[in-house]
């Protein structure tokens, strides 16, 4: 497998998620769908879900082909997602009718953190048990 193919295999999903998030953030506010009474829940839930998925794709890229999982990778994936969230909020300051919000970054951080916490539990369960004395 070529280096580019290997890179895209592990980092392609993260790149795709960043493009999707950037695309949604580029929509002017007057063109956004309104979900009525559920508008706040749908949009903030979308933030949390989007960054949850982004953090997991970052973890995939960091982990690459390794069968072992370093606990530091979870923090790195979370930090990358939060950093992307902050830059995305800055990007929104240039979109008509949109504005950056620190609360959105916090929601994104919680979504990313929750997803990575669940992933860490998954990897702990998946790890084979070791015998004492080995």
Protein backbone atom coordinates (compact mmCIF):
# COMPACT_ATOMS: atom_id res chain seq x y z
CA UNK A 1 0.00 0.00 0.00
CA UNK A 2 1.42 3.43 -0.91
CA UNK A 3 2.08 6.08 1.74
CA UNK A 4 -0.73 8.23 0.35
CA UNK A 5 -3.20 5.34 0.42
CA UNK A 6 -2.21 4.51 3.99
CA UNK A 7 -2.49 8.17 5.00
CA UNK A 8 -5.95 8.51 3.44
CA UNK A 9 -7.09 5.23 5.00
CA UNK A 10 -6.46 6.57 8.49
CA UNK A 11 -6.76 10.35 8.11
CA UNK A 12 -9.31 10.51 5.26
CA UNK A 13 -12.33 10.29 7.59
CA UNK A 14 -10.98 13.19 9.69
CA UNK A 15 -10.39 15.29 6.59
CA UNK A 16 -13.90 14.49 5.36
CA UNK A 17 -15.43 15.44 8.73
CA UNK A 18 -13.53 18.74 8.74
CA UNK A 19 -14.80 19.51 5.23
CA UNK A 20 -18.40 18.69 6.26
CA UNK A 21 -18.17 20.85 9.39
CA UNK A 22 -16.61 23.70 7.38
CA UNK A 23 -19.40 23.39 4.82
CA UNK A 24 -22.16 23.63 7.43
CA UNK A 25 -20.37 26.57 9.08
CA UNK A 26 -20.27 28.41 5.75
CA UNK A 27 -24.06 28.55 5.42
CA UNK A 28 -25.38 32.08 6.12
CA UNK A 29 -27.85 32.24 9.02
CA UNK A 30 -30.80 33.20 6.79
CA UNK A 31 -30.30 29.98 4.80
CA UNK A 32 -30.21 27.65 7.81
CA UNK A 33 -33.18 25.41 8.47
CA UNK A 34 -35.32 26.32 11.46
CA UNK A 35 -36.56 23.42 13.56
CA UNK A 36 -39.09 25.45 15.52
CA UNK A 37 -39.24 24.61 19.20
CA UNK A 38 -36.48 22.03 18.79
CA UNK A 39 -34.12 24.39 16.93
CA UNK A 40 -31.76 24.90 19.87
CA UNK A 41 -31.62 21.19 20.72
CA UNK A 42 -31.10 20.09 17.11
CA UNK A 43 -28.37 22.63 16.37
CA UNK A 44 -26.45 22.23 19.63
CA UNK A 45 -26.90 18.45 19.45
CA UNK A 46 -25.49 18.63 15.92
CA UNK A 47 -22.47 20.48 17.29
CA UNK A 48 -21.86 17.82 19.94
CA UNK A 49 -22.39 14.95 17.49
CA UNK A 50 -20.22 16.48 14.78
CA UNK A 51 -17.29 17.02 17.11
CA UNK A 52 -17.80 13.62 18.74
CA UNK A 53 -17.36 12.05 15.32
CA UNK A 54 -14.44 14.35 14.48
CA UNK A 55 -12.60 13.39 17.67
CA UNK A 56 -13.07 9.70 16.89
CA UNK A 57 -11.73 10.19 13.37
CA UNK A 58 -8.74 12.04 14.83
CA UNK A 59 -8.17 9.10 17.17
CA UNK A 60 -8.30 6.76 14.18
CA UNK A 61 -5.66 8.83 12.40
CA UNK A 62 -3.41 9.03 15.45
CA UNK A 63 -3.78 5.31 16.23
CA UNK A 64 -3.27 4.31 12.58
CA UNK A 65 -2.17 0.68 12.38
CA UNK A 66 -1.25 0.31 16.04
CA UNK A 67 -3.05 -2.43 17.93
CA UNK A 68 -2.14 -0.79 21.21
CA UNK A 69 -3.78 2.41 22.36
CA UNK A 70 -1.79 5.03 24.21
CA UNK A 71 -3.97 6.98 26.70
CA UNK A 72 -2.28 10.21 25.57
CA UNK A 73 -3.81 9.74 22.14
CA UNK A 74 -7.27 10.35 23.59
CA UNK A 75 -6.20 13.72 24.97
CA UNK A 76 -4.48 14.60 21.69
CA UNK A 77 -7.60 13.71 19.67
CA UNK A 78 -9.74 15.78 22.07
CA UNK A 79 -7.36 18.76 21.89
CA UNK A 80 -7.31 18.60 18.07
CA UNK A 81 -11.14 18.57 17.97
CA UNK A 82 -11.39 21.52 20.37
CA UNK A 83 -8.77 23.46 18.42
CA UNK A 84 -10.65 22.82 15.17
CA UNK A 85 -13.85 23.93 16.91
CA UNK A 86 -12.24 27.22 17.94
CA UNK A 87 -10.95 27.87 14.42
CA UNK A 88 -14.37 26.99 13.02
CA UNK A 89 -16.03 29.52 15.33
CA UNK A 90 -13.53 32.12 14.10
CA UNK A 91 -14.43 31.16 10.52
CA UNK A 92 -18.11 31.78 11.30
CA UNK A 93 -17.32 35.42 12.11
CA UNK A 94 -16.86 35.92 8.35
CA UNK A 95 -20.17 34.27 7.39
CA UNK A 96 -23.18 36.61 6.99
CA UNK A 97 -25.48 36.46 9.99
CA UNK A 98 -23.25 34.04 11.90
CA UNK A 99 -21.10 34.80 14.90
CA UNK A 100 -18.51 32.95 16.96
CA UNK A 101 -19.66 31.58 20.32
CA UNK A 102 -17.49 30.26 23.13
CA UNK A 103 -20.47 28.18 24.29
CA UNK A 104 -20.38 26.30 20.98
CA UNK A 105 -16.72 25.45 21.54
CA UNK A 106 -17.63 24.19 25.01
CA UNK A 107 -20.46 22.05 23.60
CA UNK A 108 -18.07 20.69 20.97
CA UNK A 109 -15.49 19.91 23.68
CA UNK A 110 -18.09 18.00 25.71
CA UNK A 111 -19.23 16.03 22.64
CA UNK A 112 -15.63 15.16 21.74
CA UNK A 113 -14.81 14.26 25.33
CA UNK A 114 -17.84 12.02 25.74
CA UNK A 115 -17.11 10.16 22.50
CA UNK A 116 -13.47 9.63 23.45
CA UNK A 117 -14.43 8.52 26.96
CA UNK A 118 -16.74 5.88 25.45
CA UNK A 119 -14.00 4.87 23.01
CA UNK A 120 -11.54 4.46 25.90
CA UNK A 121 -14.02 2.18 27.67
CA UNK A 122 -14.39 0.17 24.46
CA UNK A 123 -10.62 -0.25 24.10
CA UNK A 124 -10.27 -1.26 27.76
CA UNK A 125 -12.89 -3.98 27.27
CA UNK A 126 -11.33 -5.12 24.02
CA UNK A 127 -7.85 -5.51 25.56
CA UNK A 128 -7.06 -9.19 26.18
CA UNK A 129 -6.74 -10.19 29.80
CA UNK A 130 -3.21 -10.96 30.91
CA UNK A 131 -2.28 -13.69 33.36
CA UNK A 132 -0.38 -12.92 36.54
CA UNK A 133 3.28 -13.87 36.30
CA UNK A 134 3.49 -13.36 32.52
